[in-house]
Protein backbone atom coordinates (compact mmCIF):
# COMPACT_ATOMS: atom_id res chain seq x y z
CA MET A 1 103.62 149.24 95.70
CA SER A 2 103.98 145.45 95.94
CA LEU A 3 102.03 143.40 98.48
CA LEU A 4 105.33 142.20 99.96
CA VAL A 5 106.45 145.74 100.77
CA LEU A 6 103.07 146.56 102.32
CA ILE A 7 103.27 143.45 104.52
CA LEU A 8 106.84 144.34 105.56
CA ILE A 9 105.90 147.94 106.44
CA THR A 10 102.81 146.76 108.37
CA SER A 11 104.91 144.25 110.31
CA LEU A 12 107.48 146.84 111.26
CA LEU A 13 104.82 149.31 112.32
CA SER A 14 103.07 146.63 114.38
CA ALA A 15 106.31 145.83 116.19
CA LEU A 16 106.95 149.52 116.84
CA VAL A 17 103.42 150.18 118.14
CA TYR A 18 103.62 147.04 120.37
CA PHE A 19 106.85 148.34 121.88
CA VAL A 20 105.49 151.88 122.41
CA PHE A 21 102.16 150.78 123.92
CA PHE A 22 103.17 147.79 125.95
CA SER A 23 106.67 148.62 127.14
CA ASN A 24 105.10 151.45 129.19
CA GLY A 25 101.87 149.59 129.87
CA SER A 26 102.40 149.13 133.61
CA ARG A 27 103.19 152.80 134.07
CA THR A 28 100.19 154.10 132.12
CA ARG A 29 97.83 151.69 133.85
CA GLU A 30 98.70 153.38 137.11
CA MET A 31 97.82 156.82 135.68
CA ASN A 32 94.42 158.49 135.54
CA LEU A 33 94.10 158.64 131.73
CA PRO A 34 91.15 160.37 130.06
CA ARG A 35 88.38 158.12 128.79
CA GLY A 36 88.28 157.22 125.10
CA SER A 37 89.16 154.57 122.56
CA MET A 38 92.61 153.82 121.09
CA GLY A 39 90.92 152.35 117.99
CA TYR A 40 92.46 149.55 115.97
CA PRO A 41 95.94 148.13 116.49
CA VAL A 42 98.64 150.08 114.56
CA ILE A 43 96.31 152.58 112.86
CA GLY A 44 94.29 153.64 115.90
CA GLU A 45 91.48 155.99 114.74
CA THR A 46 93.59 157.62 112.06
CA LEU A 47 91.64 156.39 109.05
CA SER A 48 88.26 157.51 110.29
CA PHE A 49 89.75 160.87 111.31
CA LEU A 50 91.32 161.46 107.88
CA LYS A 51 88.13 160.33 106.13
CA ALA A 52 86.15 162.90 108.14
CA GLN A 53 88.70 165.60 107.39
CA ALA A 54 88.51 164.92 103.65
CA LYS A 55 84.74 165.58 103.83
CA ASP A 56 85.30 168.65 106.03
CA GLU A 57 83.48 166.83 108.80
CA GLY A 58 86.28 166.98 111.36
CA PRO A 59 84.12 168.83 113.94
CA SER A 60 81.48 166.08 113.77
CA TRP A 61 84.18 163.43 114.32
CA PHE A 62 85.33 165.19 117.48
CA GLU A 63 81.83 165.98 118.69
CA GLU A 64 80.86 162.31 118.64
CA ARG A 65 83.78 161.54 120.97
CA ILE A 66 83.23 164.61 123.18
CA ALA A 67 79.59 163.59 123.63
CA GLU A 68 80.73 160.17 124.86
CA HIS A 69 83.94 160.97 126.75
CA GLY A 70 83.97 164.75 127.46
CA PRO A 71 86.16 167.60 126.16
CA VAL A 72 89.31 165.78 127.22
CA PHE A 73 89.64 162.28 125.79
CA LYS A 74 92.27 159.80 124.56
CA THR A 75 92.63 158.26 121.10
CA SER A 76 95.42 157.19 118.75
CA LEU A 77 96.21 159.38 115.73
CA MET A 78 99.03 159.23 113.18
CA GLY A 79 100.68 156.30 114.95
CA SER A 80 100.85 157.87 118.44
CA PRO A 81 98.68 157.76 121.54
CA THR A 82 96.95 161.14 121.78
CA VAL A 83 95.02 163.21 124.30
CA VAL A 84 92.58 165.65 122.66
CA ILE A 85 91.84 168.83 124.62
CA MET A 86 88.99 171.18 123.62
CA GLY A 87 88.04 174.59 124.94
CA GLN A 88 89.50 177.95 126.03
CA ALA A 89 91.21 176.52 129.13
CA GLY A 90 92.75 173.76 127.04
CA ASN A 91 93.97 176.21 124.39
CA LYS A 92 95.54 178.35 127.09
CA PHE A 93 97.21 175.29 128.65
CA ILE A 94 98.64 174.21 125.30
CA PHE A 95 99.67 177.60 123.92
CA THR A 96 101.30 178.86 127.15
CA ALA A 97 103.06 175.64 128.26
CA ARG A 98 106.78 175.89 128.84
CA GLU A 99 109.07 174.54 126.13
CA ASP A 100 110.37 171.87 128.44
CA VAL A 101 106.78 170.63 128.93
CA LEU A 102 105.14 170.68 125.47
CA VAL A 103 106.84 171.08 122.11
CA PRO A 104 105.36 171.16 118.58
CA GLN A 105 105.00 167.67 117.13
CA GLN A 106 105.25 168.02 113.36
CA PRO A 107 104.71 165.06 111.00
CA LEU A 108 107.83 163.16 110.03
CA THR A 109 107.21 164.12 106.44
CA LEU A 110 107.26 167.88 107.26
CA ARG A 111 110.39 167.51 109.41
CA THR A 112 112.15 165.74 106.50
CA ILE A 113 111.06 168.11 103.74
CA ALA A 114 111.48 171.38 105.67
CA GLY A 115 114.61 170.27 107.53
CA LYS A 116 115.52 169.75 111.15
CA GLN A 117 116.47 173.41 111.75
CA ASN A 118 113.22 174.95 110.54
CA ILE A 119 111.53 177.23 113.08
CA SER A 120 108.70 174.81 113.89
CA GLU A 121 111.29 172.31 115.17
CA LEU A 122 113.23 174.75 117.32
CA SER A 123 112.82 175.78 120.95
CA GLY A 124 114.46 178.03 123.51
CA SER A 125 117.00 180.70 122.48
CA ARG A 126 117.47 179.18 119.02
CA TYR A 127 113.71 179.51 118.31
CA ARG A 128 113.66 183.10 119.58
CA LEU A 129 116.68 184.01 117.46
CA VAL A 130 115.11 182.65 114.21
CA LYS A 131 111.71 184.20 114.94
CA GLY A 132 113.36 187.52 115.77
CA ALA A 133 115.20 187.50 112.45
CA MET A 134 111.97 186.77 110.55
CA MET A 135 110.04 189.45 112.46
CA ASN A 136 112.65 192.05 111.51
CA PHE A 137 111.12 191.84 108.04
CA LEU A 138 107.57 190.65 108.81
CA LYS A 139 106.66 193.28 111.44
CA PRO A 140 104.23 196.00 110.29
CA GLU A 141 106.87 198.74 110.30
CA SER A 142 108.84 196.81 107.69
CA LEU A 143 105.90 195.49 105.65
CA GLN A 144 104.48 198.89 104.99
CA HIS A 145 107.35 199.53 102.62
CA SER A 146 106.39 196.50 100.55
CA VAL A 147 102.73 197.33 99.86
CA LYS A 148 103.29 199.18 96.59
CA ARG A 149 105.51 196.49 95.17
CA MET A 150 103.04 193.79 96.30
CA ASP A 151 100.22 195.71 94.58
CA GLU A 152 102.21 195.94 91.36
CA ILE A 153 103.03 192.19 91.33
CA ILE A 154 99.48 191.14 92.00
CA LYS A 155 97.87 193.47 89.50
CA ASN A 156 100.28 192.43 86.74
CA LEU A 157 99.67 188.73 87.44
CA PHE A 158 95.90 189.21 87.30
CA VAL A 159 96.18 190.96 83.94
CA ARG A 160 98.52 188.32 82.51
CA GLU A 161 96.55 185.31 83.78
CA VAL A 162 93.17 186.68 82.67
CA ALA A 163 94.54 187.47 79.22
CA LYS A 164 95.98 184.00 78.87
CA ALA A 165 92.77 182.33 80.11
CA GLY A 166 90.59 184.31 77.72
CA GLU A 167 92.50 183.50 74.57
CA GLY A 168 90.12 180.71 73.61
CA GLY A 169 86.83 182.54 74.34
CA ASP A 170 85.37 182.47 77.87
CA THR A 171 87.71 183.74 80.55
CA ILE A 172 87.61 180.86 83.01
CA VAL A 173 90.29 180.61 85.70
CA LYS A 174 90.76 177.93 88.33
CA ALA A 175 91.01 180.27 91.30
CA VAL A 176 92.78 177.85 93.62
CA VAL A 177 95.60 177.10 91.20
CA PHE A 178 95.93 180.79 90.33
CA MET A 179 95.96 181.88 93.97
CA LYS A 180 98.75 179.40 94.72
CA LYS A 181 100.83 180.66 91.86
CA LEU A 182 100.10 184.29 92.73
CA THR A 183 100.99 183.97 96.43
CA PHE A 184 104.12 182.02 95.56
CA ASN A 185 105.33 184.76 93.21
CA VAL A 186 104.62 187.37 95.88
CA ALA A 187 106.56 185.34 98.48
CA CYS A 188 109.54 184.91 96.09
CA ASP A 189 109.73 188.63 95.31
CA ILE A 190 108.72 190.30 98.58
CA LEU A 191 109.97 187.83 101.18
CA PHE A 192 113.05 186.44 99.49
CA GLY A 193 114.00 189.01 96.80
CA ILE A 194 113.86 186.42 93.99
CA LYS A 195 112.74 188.22 90.86
CA ASP A 196 114.02 185.99 88.06
CA GLU A 197 111.01 184.33 86.36
CA SER A 198 112.81 181.10 85.40
CA THR A 199 114.04 180.65 88.94
CA GLU A 200 110.53 181.37 90.33
CA GLN A 201 108.97 178.79 87.98
CA ALA A 202 111.53 176.12 88.79
CA LEU A 203 111.04 176.70 92.55
CA PHE A 204 107.29 176.68 92.16
CA ASP A 205 107.36 173.30 90.46
CA ASP A 206 109.58 171.83 93.15
CA PHE A 207 107.64 173.36 96.05
CA THR A 208 104.39 171.98 94.57
CA MET A 209 106.00 168.52 94.72
CA ALA A 210 107.45 169.12 98.18
CA PHE A 211 104.10 170.21 99.59
CA LYS A 212 102.41 167.06 98.34
CA ALA A 213 105.10 165.06 100.10
CA VAL A 214 104.38 166.82 103.43
CA TRP A 215 100.94 165.17 103.43
CA SER A 216 101.99 161.74 102.11
CA LEU A 217 102.99 158.47 103.75
CA PRO A 218 106.63 158.65 104.95
CA ILE A 219 107.77 155.84 102.61
CA ASN A 220 111.05 156.77 100.89
CA LEU A 221 110.90 154.41 97.94
CA PRO A 222 111.32 155.38 94.27
CA GLY A 223 108.05 156.61 92.75
CA THR A 224 106.34 157.55 96.03
CA GLU A 225 105.21 161.12 96.82
CA PHE A 226 107.61 161.25 99.75
CA TRP A 227 110.57 160.17 97.57
CA ARG A 228 109.71 162.81 94.97
CA GLY A 229 109.40 165.41 97.72
CA ILE A 230 112.86 164.62 99.09
CA LYS A 231 114.28 164.92 95.58
CA ALA A 232 112.45 168.24 95.17
CA ARG A 233 113.94 169.52 98.46
CA SER A 234 117.44 168.75 97.16
CA ARG A 235 116.77 170.78 94.04
CA ILE A 236 115.40 173.66 96.08
CA VAL A 237 118.51 173.70 98.24
CA ASP A 238 120.75 173.63 95.15
CA ARG A 239 118.92 176.69 93.76
CA ILE A 240 118.80 178.73 96.98
CA LEU A 241 122.42 178.21 98.07
CA PRO A 242 124.03 180.31 95.28
CA ILE A 243 121.45 183.07 95.97
CA MET A 244 122.22 182.96 99.67
CA ARG A 245 125.98 183.08 99.14
CA GLU A 246 125.67 186.07 96.80
CA ARG A 247 123.51 187.89 99.39
CA ARG A 248 126.16 187.23 102.01
CA LYS A 249 128.78 188.86 99.79
CA GLN A 250 126.48 191.84 99.16
CA LEU A 251 125.96 192.31 102.91
CA GLU A 252 129.69 192.20 103.52
CA ARG A 253 130.27 194.78 100.75
CA GLY A 254 127.53 196.99 102.08
CA THR A 255 125.50 196.89 98.84
CA LEU A 256 122.51 195.14 100.45
CA ARG A 257 120.45 196.26 103.44
CA PRO A 258 120.28 193.66 106.28
CA GLY A 259 116.47 194.02 106.22
CA ALA A 260 115.95 193.91 102.50
CA ASP A 261 114.25 190.50 102.68
CA VAL A 262 113.95 187.53 105.01
CA VAL A 263 117.12 185.85 103.73
CA SER A 264 119.21 188.98 104.35
CA CYS A 265 117.64 189.31 107.85
CA LEU A 266 118.67 185.71 108.66
CA LEU A 267 122.15 186.25 107.23
CA ALA A 268 122.68 189.41 109.26
CA THR A 269 121.47 187.92 112.58
CA ARG A 270 124.02 187.04 115.25
CA ASP A 271 123.61 185.17 118.53
CA GLU A 272 124.98 186.22 121.90
CA ASN A 273 128.42 184.93 120.90
CA GLY A 274 128.43 186.86 117.62
CA GLU A 275 127.86 183.69 115.55
CA GLY A 276 125.56 183.73 112.55
CA PHE A 277 123.28 181.00 111.18
CA GLU A 278 124.82 178.16 109.20
CA GLU A 279 123.67 177.63 105.62
CA GLU A 280 121.50 174.63 106.54
CA ALA A 281 119.50 176.65 109.07
CA ILE A 282 118.81 179.39 106.51
CA THR A 283 117.73 176.96 103.78
CA ASP A 284 115.50 175.01 106.21
CA ASN A 285 113.76 178.24 107.24
CA PHE A 286 113.51 179.44 103.66
CA ILE A 287 111.63 176.20 102.85
CA ILE A 288 109.27 176.26 105.87
CA LEU A 289 108.43 179.92 105.41
CA MET A 290 107.79 179.42 101.68
CA ILE A 291 105.47 176.47 102.42
CA ALA A 292 103.62 178.38 105.13
CA SER A 293 103.42 181.75 103.39
CA HIS A 294 102.11 180.89 99.99
CA ASP A 295 99.74 178.02 100.77
CA THR A 296 97.88 179.46 103.73
CA SER A 297 97.45 182.81 101.95
CA ALA A 298 96.19 180.98 98.84
CA ILE A 299 93.64 179.17 101.03
CA LEU A 300 92.29 182.38 102.52
CA ALA A 301 92.14 184.19 99.16
CA SER A 302 90.35 181.23 97.57
CA LEU A 303 87.79 181.03 100.40
CA MET A 304 87.19 184.79 100.06
CA ILE A 305 86.39 184.37 96.36
CA TRP A 306 84.22 181.38 97.14
CA LYS A 307 82.28 183.26 99.87
CA LEU A 308 81.78 186.47 97.83
CA SER A 309 80.46 184.42 94.94
CA LYS A 310 77.75 183.02 97.16
CA ASP A 311 76.78 186.09 99.22
CA PRO A 312 75.86 189.17 97.15
CA ASN A 313 75.27 191.33 100.26
CA ILE A 314 78.76 190.66 101.58
CA TYR A 315 80.18 191.14 98.05
CA ASP A 316 78.43 194.50 97.67
CA GLU A 317 79.89 195.80 100.97
CA VAL A 318 83.36 194.65 100.05
CA LEU A 319 83.04 196.19 96.58
CA GLN A 320 81.86 199.49 98.03
CA GLU A 321 84.78 199.65 100.43
CA GLN A 322 87.35 198.74 97.75
CA MET A 323 85.93 201.20 95.19
CA GLU A 324 86.24 203.96 97.78
CA VAL A 325 89.89 202.98 98.25
CA LYS A 326 90.32 203.16 94.45
CA ARG A 327 88.75 206.59 94.29
CA ARG A 328 91.12 207.89 96.95
CA LYS A 329 94.08 206.48 95.01
CA GLN A 330 92.96 208.25 91.83
CA SER A 331 92.32 211.56 93.62
CA ARG A 332 95.78 211.74 95.11
CA GLY A 333 97.55 211.08 91.79
CA GLY A 334 101.02 209.61 91.94
CA ASP A 335 101.73 206.09 90.77
CA GLY A 336 98.27 204.77 91.55
CA ARG A 337 99.55 202.03 93.82
CA LEU A 338 98.14 201.01 97.17
CA THR A 339 99.71 202.43 100.29
CA TRP A 340 99.88 201.26 103.90
CA GLU A 341 97.15 203.76 104.74
CA ASP A 342 94.90 202.16 102.09
CA ILE A 343 95.42 198.78 103.66
CA GLN A 344 94.42 200.07 107.12
CA SER A 345 91.13 201.40 105.68
CA MET A 346 90.02 197.98 104.36
CA LYS A 347 88.38 197.11 107.65
CA PHE A 348 85.23 195.36 106.47
CA THR A 349 87.12 193.26 103.89
CA TRP A 350 89.41 192.02 106.63
CA ARG A 351 86.41 191.37 108.91
CA VAL A 352 85.09 189.04 106.21
CA ALA A 353 88.46 187.25 106.12
CA GLN A 354 88.45 186.95 109.91
CA GLU A 355 84.98 185.48 109.95
CA LEU A 356 85.91 182.97 107.22
CA MET A 357 88.91 181.83 109.26
CA ARG A 358 86.64 181.44 112.30
CA ILE A 359 84.18 179.16 110.53
CA ILE A 360 86.67 177.46 108.14
CA PRO A 361 90.05 177.68 109.93
CA PRO A 362 92.96 177.13 107.48
CA VAL A 363 94.69 175.00 110.16
CA PHE A 364 92.08 172.70 111.71
CA GLY A 365 94.36 171.92 114.67
CA ASN A 366 97.78 170.70 115.56
CA PHE A 367 99.80 168.28 117.67
CA LYS A 368 102.23 168.91 120.51
CA LYS A 369 104.31 166.34 122.32
CA ALA A 370 104.54 165.94 126.10
CA LEU A 371 108.19 165.96 127.29
CA GLN A 372 107.19 164.97 130.81
CA ASP A 373 104.16 163.55 132.58
CA LEU A 374 101.45 166.24 132.70
CA SER A 375 98.01 166.79 134.23
CA PHE A 376 95.07 168.72 132.83
CA GLY A 377 91.40 168.77 133.79
CA GLY A 378 91.93 166.11 136.41
CA TYR A 379 93.55 163.66 133.97
CA ASP A 380 97.14 162.52 133.46
CA ILE A 381 98.98 162.89 130.13
CA PRO A 382 101.96 160.48 129.94
CA LYS A 383 105.35 161.57 128.76
CA GLY A 384 105.77 160.94 125.04
CA TRP A 385 102.05 161.18 124.21
CA GLN A 386 100.70 163.67 121.70
CA VAL A 387 98.32 166.49 122.74
CA PHE A 388 95.91 167.78 120.06
CA TRP A 389 93.97 171.01 119.94
CA ALA A 390 91.36 172.07 117.34
CA ALA A 391 90.40 175.61 116.39
CA TYR A 392 86.71 174.83 116.00
CA GLY A 393 86.51 173.82 119.68
CA THR A 394 86.30 177.51 120.63
CA GLN A 395 85.67 179.29 117.31
CA MET A 396 82.33 177.46 116.83
CA ASN A 397 81.34 177.54 120.49
CA GLY A 398 78.03 179.32 121.08
CA ASP A 399 79.06 180.39 124.59
CA ILE A 400 81.92 182.36 123.06
CA PHE A 401 80.57 183.44 119.67
CA GLU A 402 76.85 184.21 119.52
CA ASN A 403 75.05 182.27 116.78
CA PRO A 404 78.36 180.60 115.71
CA ASP A 405 76.90 179.12 112.49
CA GLU A 406 75.86 182.57 111.28
CA PHE A 407 78.35 184.37 108.99
CA ASN A 408 78.68 187.74 110.76
CA PRO A 409 81.83 189.82 110.01
CA PHE A 410 80.64 192.56 112.39
CA ARG A 411 81.43 190.35 115.40
CA PHE A 412 85.06 191.44 114.84
CA ASP A 413 84.30 195.15 115.15
CA ASN A 414 85.74 197.02 118.10
CA PRO A 415 84.55 195.90 121.57
CA SER A 416 82.28 198.95 122.02
CA LYS A 417 80.09 197.66 119.16
CA ALA A 418 80.45 193.88 119.54
CA LYS A 419 80.97 191.29 122.24
CA ALA A 420 84.62 191.16 123.17
CA ILE A 421 86.40 187.98 122.06
CA PRO A 422 88.08 186.24 125.03
CA PRO A 423 91.77 185.36 124.78
CA PHE A 424 92.75 181.91 123.43
CA THR A 425 89.36 181.44 121.68
CA TYR A 426 90.04 182.84 118.19
CA VAL A 427 93.26 181.06 117.07
CA PRO A 428 93.58 180.88 113.27
CA PHE A 429 97.21 181.95 113.64
CA GLY A 430 97.79 180.15 116.94
CA ALA A 431 98.42 182.04 120.16
CA GLY A 432 101.10 182.72 122.75
CA VAL A 433 104.80 182.96 122.00
CA ARG A 434 104.45 180.65 119.00
CA MET A 435 101.80 182.68 117.20
CA CYS A 436 102.49 182.59 113.45
CA PRO A 437 105.05 185.30 112.62
CA GLY A 438 103.53 185.77 109.21
CA ASN A 439 99.99 186.74 110.25
CA GLU A 440 100.45 190.42 109.32
CA PHE A 441 101.98 189.49 105.97
CA ALA A 442 98.97 187.22 105.29
CA ARG A 443 96.58 190.12 106.14
CA VAL A 444 98.28 192.57 103.80
CA GLU A 445 98.61 190.08 100.96
CA THR A 446 94.93 189.00 101.21
CA LEU A 447 93.71 192.61 101.18
CA VAL A 448 95.86 193.53 98.15
CA ILE A 449 94.58 190.49 96.25
CA MET A 450 90.95 191.23 97.02
CA HIS A 451 91.34 194.93 96.14
CA ASN A 452 92.67 194.11 92.69
CA LEU A 453 90.09 191.38 92.06
CA VAL A 454 86.93 193.30 93.03
CA THR A 455 87.98 196.57 91.40
CA MET A 456 89.13 195.04 88.14
CA TYR A 457 86.74 192.14 87.58
CA GLU A 458 83.29 190.73 88.05
CA TRP A 459 83.14 186.96 88.49
CA SER A 460 80.84 184.04 89.03
CA GLN A 461 81.36 180.42 90.07
CA VAL A 462 81.24 177.88 87.26
CA ASN A 463 80.01 175.27 89.78
CA PRO A 464 77.79 177.17 92.26
CA GLU A 465 77.30 174.08 94.47
CA GLU A 466 81.02 173.43 94.88
CA ALA A 467 81.71 172.24 98.40
CA ILE A 468 84.76 172.64 100.70
CA THR A 469 87.04 169.71 101.30
CA ARG A 470 90.19 169.34 103.38
CA GLN A 471 93.37 168.06 101.73
CA PRO A 472 94.20 168.61 104.73
CA MET A 473 93.88 172.34 104.19
CA PRO A 474 90.35 173.55 103.29
CA TYR A 475 89.83 174.18 99.58
CA PRO A 476 86.87 174.31 97.21
CA SER A 477 86.63 170.73 96.01
CA MET A 478 86.79 171.44 92.23
CA GLY A 479 89.58 173.99 92.35
CA LEU A 480 87.04 176.88 92.22
CA PRO A 481 86.76 177.61 88.48
CA ILE A 482 85.39 181.16 88.03
CA ARG A 483 84.22 183.11 84.97
CA LEU A 484 85.85 186.54 84.97
CA LYS A 485 84.77 189.74 83.19
CA PRO A 486 86.82 192.96 83.30
CA ILE A 487 84.95 195.97 84.65
CA ASN A 488 87.54 198.61 83.80
CA THR A 489 90.62 199.13 81.63
CA ASN A 490 92.69 201.24 84.06
């Protein structure tokens, strides 16, 4: 980018920030704002925050400010004045606030790539209608019918990828890349009923570009990540529209069940006036659900592989549990696929996943926007300001989780054996009415992935000292290359 363009953008941003900060200056000066620093002009404390996140040192960044200002403090992040709120009471305040008080504040890049009618941008009856349509497919009663198909997809992809990786000698697979591809294929097939390989590959390429754009600078100039992401969104829409229109015809003819996949659920949904969703709303929610479903699941699966590589005791317990599931499958005969009952028996494996999400939450935190002047903890929050919460604020709190730095999956056992976890303290999927609708899908998918991996292969890290970095999601910094060895031929 030329120096002239950078100067122009900086000047425009400076003018905007001046207007935002100083046009309301007299009003905010009369309010009891939390203590804190707004950082530098224009950029606030954004650069130091992003730098800390890249090193997975976000908690330290916040702890420095909490030590100086307390658990409620002001700053400026991502171009907006922000109040940071930490702790259980703060989480409850944020997650249970009415929709006319606090609304999700997604980055401009996400709003542009996912579309203005995606579920994270909606509120009120419209939000409830979209979420209800998604839950028709994502609720446990519906997902249990997808377990066998999911198992088949994942097992076949493992076999194919390992065979391809081992053609030149050592079987080395970059686990992060493979998990992204695997979870994307599962989402295409199970969530959206897309089974054509060429369509899957084309969509995967475009979604990879679109996801990069979500975490880029919102500069729509040729050659930028954001510009490429917008182009990728257009291609995604062009590919999904014919599929959507064919599904609509199938529903009208009665040749497709309304609950066959998420797209058919959205197409079959009607509001109180009998009106269905327009095409734009369905494509927007297709995009946001695809972004959310495949990347967060890929993170969790990658972190599971990373953890099991480092902790032989945890690995042995997971292996023992999964081999017992495999023996039960073999003893009952049939097609040898996993069932819903098998998934429910993988309790320890899921406890490991829960503990990983406690220590390394896939979503570090998120922003909401105040639609009116608010008060919390004795401080004022002006209308238009951002409010930020962070999962670590409760999940790594020693008053809530005993020895929080210790990796202990058993803390998630039933309350009769472990200390009960208070509400609004363990929030990897959020909380309240806006809890992630895909949390059960993520659980099932993660367990199916780990079952196939540990029962079919042994593995070791190529780089045992590989650290975790946030991009902004937490990933092993080198892509987690692992050396795989088959342990059976069944």
